[in-house]
Amino acid sequence: MSRAYLAFTAKGEALAHRLAEALPGSVSRCGGDVTLKGWTAEHFAQDEALIFVGAVGIAVRAIAPHCRSKAADPAVVVVDEGGNFAVPLLSGHLGGANALARALAKACGAVPVITTATDVNGLFAVDLWAKAQNCAVLEPERIKRVSGALLAGQTVRYWSPWPVAGEPPAGVEKTDAPEAADFALTLTPQGEALHLVPRIGVLGVGCRRGTTAQQLEEAFAAFCAASGLSPAAVCAAASIDLKKDEPLRYSFWLQLRLKSPRLAHHVLSGRRAEGRAGTVHPVGLCGKCHRRGQRL
C-alpha cells in the first residue's frame, strides 16, 4: 500500500515521521510550497492511503471535492498530533482504512475509532471479505443492501460455483439458486445480486504489428460480450517479447488498467503467436478461489 502523510505543525510532523517508520510512506508538512489543496489533489489521485496528522475537520474539507465512490477512493485516516486517536474517514473496508487505522494506532499507542456499522456490531462485512479474497465488487451501491439486511437481523444468501471453505458466519447461508442470492461469486455476472468477481484471469494479447489500441479494445470488448466474462476478472496481461516495443499495445494495457486496477504486464519468451489482427484470449486462471476455494 502506498501511503502519504501530511502534518501541520512541528509536533505533528515528528509523529508523522514516527508513524512512517512503522508504516512507510512519504511525509510532508503543510506550508510554503506544500498547500493543503495541492497535496490532497496530488496524493488522492496517486496513493492508496492518505494520513492526515491533525484535525478531522481539516481532512474532511480537504478530501470532499475528490470523493467519488467506495470502490475508487483511497483510504483516508486522521491521527491527532497528540497520537491519541486514529480515525478512518474514507474507504474503511475496500480501501483498507479501518485496518490502517488499527495499524497506525498500534504504532503510536492511539485508540482506533472504528465507526463502520458491521464492525461495531460484529457482523459479516461483504466488502471486507471481497477485498480479502481479491474480488472486484462490481456494484458497490448494492453493498448496503447486504449489510442493511444483516444489521436488521435478516439472513443473506450467497451463491458460488466454487467451494467455499469454512462455516458461514452468523446471518449468512449458501443457496444453490443464483437468482436467490444476495451476493454471488462469479466471473459472468447476471441478475440483481451483489457480484464479487475473483481477479484471476490472465489476458493473452496477440496481434499483427500496426494493430491499433482501439482494435484491441474492441476485440476484448467483443470477447467479453460473447462469453459473459466480466473485464474485472482480468488481473494480468501477457504477450510475447517480440511485441514488447509496440506503443499501441501499452496504450491498450493502460486502458485496461483504468478499468481493472493493478493490472500487471508479463512477457512470455520463446513463443510465436499467429492469428487475426486484434486477437484477445484468456490464457490462464490463477488464484485462491480457482484452486482451493474461498473462506468465509
Protein backbone atom coordinates (compact mmCIF):
# COMPACT_ATOMS: atom_id res chain seq x y z
CA MET A 1 0.00 0.00 0.00
CA SER A 2 1.40 3.39 -1.00
CA ARG A 3 0.93 5.94 1.80
CA ALA A 4 1.33 9.68 2.15
CA TYR A 5 1.41 11.60 5.45
CA LEU A 6 0.59 15.28 5.86
CA ALA A 7 1.26 17.23 9.06
CA PHE A 8 0.58 20.83 10.00
CA THR A 9 2.87 21.52 12.97
CA ALA A 10 6.34 20.51 14.13
CA LYS A 11 4.80 18.14 16.67
CA GLY A 12 2.58 16.60 14.04
CA GLU A 13 5.48 16.23 11.64
CA ALA A 14 7.52 14.40 14.27
CA LEU A 15 4.61 12.00 14.81
CA ALA A 16 4.22 11.53 11.05
CA HIS A 17 7.87 10.51 10.74
CA ARG A 18 7.44 8.12 13.65
CA LEU A 19 4.42 6.54 12.00
CA ALA A 20 6.23 6.35 8.66
CA GLU A 21 8.98 4.32 10.30
CA ALA A 22 6.41 1.65 11.15
CA LEU A 23 4.23 2.06 8.06
CA PRO A 24 6.40 3.58 5.30
CA GLY A 25 5.18 6.49 3.22
CA SER A 26 6.11 9.99 2.12
CA VAL A 27 5.94 12.71 4.80
CA SER A 28 5.07 16.36 4.06
CA ARG A 29 4.29 19.39 6.17
CA CYS A 30 1.78 21.99 5.11
CA GLY A 31 3.33 25.37 4.43
CA GLY A 32 5.41 27.11 1.78
CA ASP A 33 5.24 25.16 -1.46
CA VAL A 34 3.07 22.46 0.14
CA THR A 35 -0.56 23.51 0.23
CA LEU A 36 -3.43 21.51 1.67
CA LYS A 37 -5.39 21.72 -1.57
CA GLY A 38 -2.48 20.81 -3.82
CA TRP A 39 -1.15 18.00 -1.64
CA THR A 40 -4.59 16.42 -1.30
CA ALA A 41 -5.29 16.56 -5.04
CA GLU A 42 -1.93 15.01 -5.88
CA HIS A 43 -1.94 12.18 -3.37
CA PHE A 44 -5.66 11.39 -3.58
CA ALA A 45 -5.05 10.57 -7.23
CA GLN A 46 -1.82 8.60 -6.90
CA ASP A 47 -1.63 6.96 -3.46
CA GLU A 48 -3.62 4.17 -1.85
CA ALA A 49 -3.75 5.81 1.58
CA LEU A 50 -3.67 9.38 2.90
CA ILE A 51 -2.89 10.01 6.57
CA PHE A 52 -3.58 13.47 7.96
CA VAL A 53 -1.81 14.18 11.24
CA GLY A 54 -4.05 16.90 12.61
CA ALA A 55 -7.73 17.73 12.97
CA VAL A 56 -10.53 15.70 11.41
CA GLY A 57 -12.28 18.83 10.14
CA ILE A 58 -9.26 19.85 8.07
CA ALA A 59 -9.11 16.45 6.43
CA VAL A 60 -12.85 16.36 5.72
CA ARG A 61 -12.78 19.72 3.94
CA ALA A 62 -9.66 18.76 2.01
CA ILE A 63 -10.91 15.45 0.61
CA ALA A 64 -14.55 16.44 -0.01
CA PRO A 65 -14.06 17.65 -3.62
CA HIS A 66 -12.27 14.45 -4.58
CA CYS A 67 -14.57 11.73 -3.21
CA ARG A 68 -16.08 9.53 -5.95
CA SER A 69 -17.04 6.07 -4.70
CA LYS A 70 -16.03 3.48 -2.12
CA ALA A 71 -14.69 1.33 -4.95
CA ALA A 72 -12.30 4.01 -6.22
CA ASP A 73 -11.37 6.27 -3.31
CA PRO A 74 -8.16 5.72 -1.34
CA ALA A 75 -8.11 5.04 2.36
CA VAL A 76 -8.11 8.22 4.43
CA VAL A 77 -7.18 8.21 8.11
CA VAL A 78 -6.70 11.06 10.57
CA VAL A 79 -4.38 10.82 13.57
CA ASP A 80 -4.44 13.72 16.02
CA GLU A 81 -0.99 15.19 16.61
CA GLY A 82 -1.05 14.00 20.20
CA GLY A 83 -1.24 10.41 18.97
CA ASN A 84 -4.41 9.74 20.96
CA PHE A 85 -6.86 8.63 18.25
CA ALA A 86 -6.71 7.15 14.74
CA VAL A 87 -9.91 7.82 12.80
CA PRO A 88 -10.68 6.21 9.41
CA LEU A 89 -12.69 8.66 7.32
CA LEU A 90 -12.97 7.07 3.90
CA SER A 91 -12.87 3.58 2.34
CA GLY A 92 -12.90 1.71 5.62
CA HIS A 93 -13.30 -1.71 4.02
CA LEU A 94 -12.46 -1.72 0.30
CA GLY A 95 -9.70 0.86 0.71
CA GLY A 96 -8.43 -0.65 3.94
CA ALA A 97 -8.81 2.47 6.10
CA ASN A 98 -10.11 0.57 9.13
CA ALA A 99 -7.17 -1.84 9.08
CA LEU A 100 -4.77 1.05 8.51
CA ALA A 101 -6.24 2.98 11.45
CA ARG A 102 -5.69 -0.05 13.69
CA ALA A 103 -2.09 -0.39 12.47
CA LEU A 104 -1.39 3.33 12.98
CA ALA A 105 -2.93 3.18 16.44
CA LYS A 106 -0.72 0.25 17.35
CA ALA A 107 2.36 2.12 16.12
CA CYS A 108 1.79 5.15 18.36
CA GLY A 109 -0.37 3.83 21.19
CA ALA A 110 -3.55 5.51 19.97
CA VAL A 111 -7.15 4.31 20.11
CA PRO A 112 -8.60 3.31 16.71
CA VAL A 113 -12.00 4.93 16.28
CA ILE A 114 -13.95 2.49 14.08
CA THR A 115 -17.49 3.55 13.23
CA THR A 116 -18.45 1.15 10.42
CA ALA A 117 -21.77 -0.44 11.43
CA THR A 118 -20.84 -4.04 10.60
CA ASP A 119 -17.60 -3.72 12.56
CA VAL A 120 -19.12 -2.24 15.70
CA ASN A 121 -21.87 -4.87 15.67
CA GLY A 122 -19.50 -7.75 14.99
CA LEU A 123 -21.23 -8.73 11.74
CA PHE A 124 -20.00 -10.15 8.44
CA ALA A 125 -18.85 -7.37 6.09
CA VAL A 126 -19.22 -8.47 2.48
CA ASP A 127 -16.95 -5.77 1.07
CA LEU A 128 -14.19 -6.54 3.55
CA TRP A 129 -14.45 -10.23 2.70
CA ALA A 130 -14.33 -9.44 -1.02
CA LYS A 131 -11.14 -7.45 -0.55
CA ALA A 132 -9.53 -10.27 1.42
CA GLN A 133 -10.40 -12.72 -1.37
CA ASN A 134 -9.06 -10.41 -4.13
CA CYS A 135 -12.51 -9.98 -5.65
CA ALA A 136 -13.71 -6.93 -7.53
CA VAL A 137 -17.01 -5.53 -6.27
CA LEU A 138 -18.99 -4.73 -9.40
CA GLU A 139 -21.89 -2.84 -7.82
CA PRO A 140 -20.65 -1.00 -4.71
CA GLU A 141 -24.08 0.59 -4.31
CA ARG A 142 -25.52 -2.88 -3.54
CA ILE A 143 -23.23 -3.44 -0.56
CA LYS A 144 -25.66 -1.54 1.65
CA ARG A 145 -28.45 -3.99 0.78
CA VAL A 146 -26.41 -6.91 2.13
CA SER A 147 -25.10 -5.02 5.16
CA GLY A 148 -28.52 -3.48 5.86
CA ALA A 149 -30.19 -6.89 5.90
CA LEU A 150 -27.61 -8.26 8.35
CA LEU A 151 -27.97 -5.21 10.59
CA ALA A 152 -31.73 -5.76 10.58
CA GLY A 153 -31.23 -9.32 11.78
CA GLN A 154 -32.13 -10.90 8.45
CA THR A 155 -30.39 -13.78 6.70
CA VAL A 156 -28.46 -13.13 3.48
CA ARG A 157 -27.67 -15.81 0.93
CA TYR A 158 -24.67 -16.27 -1.31
CA TRP A 159 -24.04 -18.34 -4.42
CA SER A 160 -20.72 -19.60 -5.74
CA PRO A 161 -19.74 -22.09 -8.44
CA TRP A 162 -16.62 -22.84 -6.39
CA PRO A 163 -16.40 -24.46 -2.96
CA VAL A 164 -16.25 -22.03 -0.06
CA ALA A 165 -14.25 -23.30 2.90
CA GLY A 166 -15.37 -22.92 6.48
CA GLU A 167 -18.72 -22.40 8.14
CA PRO A 168 -20.69 -19.33 7.03
CA PRO A 169 -20.79 -16.58 9.67
CA ALA A 170 -23.95 -15.70 11.53
CA GLY A 171 -26.69 -14.49 9.21
CA VAL A 172 -25.11 -15.90 6.03
CA GLU A 173 -26.34 -19.00 4.19
CA LYS A 174 -25.45 -20.69 0.90
CA THR A 175 -28.04 -21.06 -1.84
CA ASP A 176 -27.93 -23.34 -4.87
CA ALA A 177 -30.06 -20.93 -6.91
CA PRO A 178 -28.11 -17.94 -8.33
CA GLU A 179 -31.31 -15.93 -8.68
CA ALA A 180 -31.96 -16.27 -4.93
CA ALA A 181 -28.56 -14.92 -3.91
CA ASP A 182 -27.99 -11.58 -2.22
CA PHE A 183 -24.34 -11.73 -3.23
CA ALA A 184 -22.60 -14.03 -5.68
CA LEU A 185 -19.09 -15.03 -6.62
CA THR A 186 -18.89 -15.26 -10.38
CA LEU A 187 -16.83 -14.49 -13.48
CA THR A 188 -20.01 -13.96 -15.53
CA PRO A 189 -22.33 -11.67 -13.55
CA GLN A 190 -26.07 -11.72 -14.18
CA GLY A 191 -29.10 -10.62 -12.20
CA GLU A 192 -29.60 -8.25 -9.30
CA ALA A 193 -27.26 -9.72 -6.69
CA LEU A 194 -24.11 -8.00 -5.49
CA HIS A 195 -21.48 -9.55 -7.74
CA LEU A 196 -17.99 -10.33 -6.47
CA VAL A 197 -15.62 -11.16 -9.32
CA PRO A 198 -12.42 -13.07 -8.48
CA ARG A 199 -9.49 -11.32 -10.14
CA ILE A 200 -7.92 -14.49 -11.55
CA GLY A 201 -7.92 -14.02 -15.33
CA VAL A 202 -4.74 -13.68 -17.38
CA LEU A 203 -5.37 -11.99 -20.72
CA GLY A 204 -3.28 -13.19 -23.65
CA VAL A 205 -2.86 -10.47 -26.25
CA GLY A 206 -1.59 -11.19 -29.76
CA CYS A 207 -1.95 -9.17 -32.96
CA ARG A 208 -0.25 -8.15 -36.17
CA ARG A 209 2.16 -5.24 -35.95
CA GLY A 210 0.32 -1.99 -36.53
CA THR A 211 -2.93 -3.09 -34.88
CA THR A 212 -4.35 -0.09 -33.05
CA ALA A 213 -5.23 0.13 -29.40
CA GLN A 214 -8.84 0.72 -30.41
CA GLN A 215 -8.89 -2.57 -32.36
CA LEU A 216 -7.52 -4.43 -29.35
CA GLU A 217 -10.06 -2.80 -27.07
CA GLU A 218 -12.89 -3.67 -29.43
CA ALA A 219 -11.70 -7.29 -29.69
CA PHE A 220 -11.54 -7.57 -25.91
CA ALA A 221 -14.99 -6.00 -25.51
CA ALA A 222 -16.42 -8.38 -28.12
CA PHE A 223 -14.89 -11.37 -26.35
CA CYS A 224 -16.34 -10.30 -23.00
CA ALA A 225 -19.74 -9.68 -24.55
CA ALA A 226 -19.77 -13.08 -26.24
CA SER A 227 -18.52 -15.04 -23.24
CA GLY A 228 -20.18 -13.01 -20.49
CA LEU A 229 -16.81 -12.60 -18.77
CA SER A 230 -16.50 -9.54 -16.58
CA PRO A 231 -13.47 -7.41 -17.54
CA ALA A 232 -12.86 -7.02 -13.81
CA ALA A 233 -11.72 -10.66 -13.71
CA VAL A 234 -8.51 -9.76 -15.56
CA CYS A 235 -5.57 -9.37 -13.20
CA ALA A 236 -2.71 -9.60 -15.71
CA ALA A 237 -1.97 -9.30 -19.42
CA ALA A 238 0.58 -11.39 -21.31
CA SER A 239 2.25 -11.24 -24.70
CA ILE A 240 5.41 -12.46 -26.43
CA ASP A 241 8.62 -10.48 -26.07
CA LEU A 242 8.74 -9.75 -29.80
CA LYS A 243 5.83 -7.36 -29.28
CA LYS A 244 7.16 -5.55 -26.23
CA ASP A 245 8.17 -2.42 -28.16
CA GLU A 246 4.77 -1.69 -29.67
CA PRO A 247 3.45 1.52 -28.03
CA LEU A 248 -0.17 0.91 -29.01
CA ARG A 249 -0.17 -2.36 -27.08
CA TYR A 250 0.91 -0.47 -23.97
CA SER A 251 -1.87 2.04 -24.63
CA PHE A 252 -4.37 -0.83 -24.61
CA TRP A 253 -2.93 -2.16 -21.35
CA LEU A 254 -3.17 1.32 -19.87
CA GLN A 255 -6.85 1.45 -20.77
CA LEU A 256 -7.39 -1.91 -19.10
CA ARG A 257 -5.52 -0.75 -16.03
CA LEU A 258 -8.02 2.05 -15.64
CA LYS A 259 -10.87 -0.46 -15.76
CA SER A 260 -9.14 -3.15 -13.69
CA PRO A 261 -6.78 -1.55 -11.13
CA ARG A 262 -3.33 -3.04 -10.56
CA LEU A 263 -3.27 -4.78 -13.93
CA ALA A 264 0.19 -6.31 -14.39
CA HIS A 265 2.08 -6.92 -17.61
CA HIS A 266 4.01 -10.16 -18.07
CA VAL A 267 6.12 -11.02 -21.11
CA LEU A 268 6.25 -14.60 -22.36
CA SER A 269 9.52 -15.58 -24.04
CA GLY A 270 10.31 -18.13 -26.72
CA ARG A 271 6.91 -18.42 -28.37
CA ARG A 272 5.44 -17.27 -31.63
CA ALA A 273 1.84 -16.22 -31.98
CA GLU A 274 -0.24 -16.37 -35.14
CA GLY A 275 -3.77 -15.27 -35.80
CA ARG A 276 -6.07 -12.46 -36.77
CA ALA A 277 -5.28 -8.84 -36.09
CA GLY A 278 -6.57 -7.93 -32.68
CA THR A 279 -6.83 -11.39 -31.20
CA VAL A 280 -7.52 -11.43 -27.47
CA HIS A 281 -7.80 -14.64 -25.46
CA PRO A 282 -7.68 -15.59 -21.80
CA VAL A 283 -4.63 -17.81 -21.37
CA GLY A 284 -4.92 -18.90 -17.79
CA LEU A 285 -6.59 -18.76 -14.44
CA CYS A 286 -4.83 -18.34 -11.15
CA GLY A 287 -5.84 -17.51 -7.63
CA LYS A 288 -7.14 -18.83 -4.37
CA CYS A 289 -10.76 -19.12 -5.42
CA HIS A 290 -9.96 -21.19 -8.51
CA ARG A 291 -7.63 -23.67 -6.84
CA ARG A 292 -8.70 -24.01 -3.25
CA GLY A 293 -11.94 -22.16 -2.69
CA GLN A 294 -12.69 -19.05 -0.67
CA ARG A 295 -13.07 -18.93 3.05
CA LEU A 296 -15.93 -17.17 4.80
